[in-house]
Amino acid sequence: MVDTEIGLLIPPLGISCFVIKSAINDPTVSLSDIFAGAFPFAVTMFIVLLILIAYPQLSLILLELGYV
């Protein structure tokens, strides 16, 4: 599921940043500011994906605890 989310977010990330820039129409906010704000979310998703690849049992822990 995390890999699907990354696949849906990352390719259009640049396009989304350009759309945000044109939508806010504020000269004080640069495109690099928008990319800097979006970058931590993409990195976090990759880190979570790497953790789930390294420890796949984490993805099933909620099922084992009965929360789902």
Protein backbone atom coordinates (compact mmCIF):
# COMPACT_ATOMS: atom_id res chain seq x y z
CA MET A 1 0.00 0.00 0.00
CA VAL A 2 2.84 2.39 0.81
CA ASP A 3 4.50 1.66 -2.53
CA THR A 4 1.23 2.44 -4.33
CA GLU A 5 0.95 5.74 -2.50
CA ILE A 6 4.52 6.63 -3.43
CA GLY A 7 3.83 5.71 -7.05
CA LEU A 8 0.77 7.94 -7.13
CA LEU A 9 2.48 10.88 -5.45
CA ILE A 10 6.05 11.03 -6.73
CA PRO A 11 5.68 11.23 -10.53
CA PRO A 12 3.20 14.11 -10.45
CA LEU A 13 4.97 15.79 -7.51
CA GLY A 14 6.66 18.31 -9.78
CA ILE A 15 3.44 19.06 -11.61
CA SER A 16 1.60 19.45 -8.30
CA CYS A 17 4.22 21.92 -7.08
CA PHE A 18 3.86 23.99 -10.25
CA VAL A 19 0.06 23.96 -9.87
CA ILE A 20 0.36 25.09 -6.24
CA LYS A 21 2.72 27.87 -7.27
CA SER A 22 0.34 29.16 -9.93
CA ALA A 23 -2.71 28.77 -7.67
CA ILE A 24 -1.36 30.80 -4.76
CA ASN A 25 -0.07 33.56 -7.06
CA ASP A 26 2.13 34.99 -4.32
CA PRO A 27 5.48 36.42 -5.45
CA THR A 28 6.99 35.97 -1.98
CA VAL A 29 6.65 32.16 -2.19
CA SER A 30 9.15 30.64 -4.59
CA LEU A 31 8.92 27.31 -6.33
CA SER A 32 11.92 26.10 -4.34
CA ASP A 33 10.00 26.86 -1.13
CA ILE A 34 7.16 24.64 -2.32
CA PHE A 35 9.52 21.83 -3.28
CA ALA A 36 11.29 22.19 0.07
CA GLY A 37 7.94 21.79 1.82
CA ALA A 38 6.97 18.70 -0.19
CA PHE A 39 10.35 16.96 -0.01
CA PRO A 40 10.14 15.76 3.64
CA PHE A 41 6.85 13.96 2.92
CA ALA A 42 8.35 12.07 -0.02
CA VAL A 43 11.44 11.14 2.00
CA THR A 44 9.28 9.96 4.89
CA MET A 45 7.29 7.68 2.60
CA PHE A 46 10.49 6.15 1.23
CA ILE A 47 11.79 5.57 4.75
CA VAL A 48 8.55 3.86 5.76
CA LEU A 49 8.72 1.71 2.63
CA LEU A 50 12.30 0.67 3.43
CA ILE A 51 11.31 -0.20 7.00
CA LEU A 52 8.39 -2.31 5.75
CA ILE A 53 10.67 -4.08 3.28
CA ALA A 54 13.20 -4.81 6.02
CA TYR A 55 10.56 -5.87 8.58
CA PRO A 56 7.45 -7.10 6.74
CA GLN A 57 5.89 -8.40 9.95
CA LEU A 58 5.22 -4.77 10.92
CA SER A 59 2.60 -4.54 8.21
CA LEU A 60 0.63 -7.37 9.83
CA ILE A 61 0.92 -6.34 13.46
CA LEU A 62 -2.46 -4.57 13.52
CA LEU A 63 -4.15 -7.68 12.17
CA GLU A 64 -2.49 -9.82 14.80
CA LEU A 65 -3.56 -7.43 17.56
CA GLY A 66 -7.15 -7.44 16.29
CA TYR A 67 -7.42 -3.75 15.47
CA VAL A 68 -8.58 -4.26 11.90
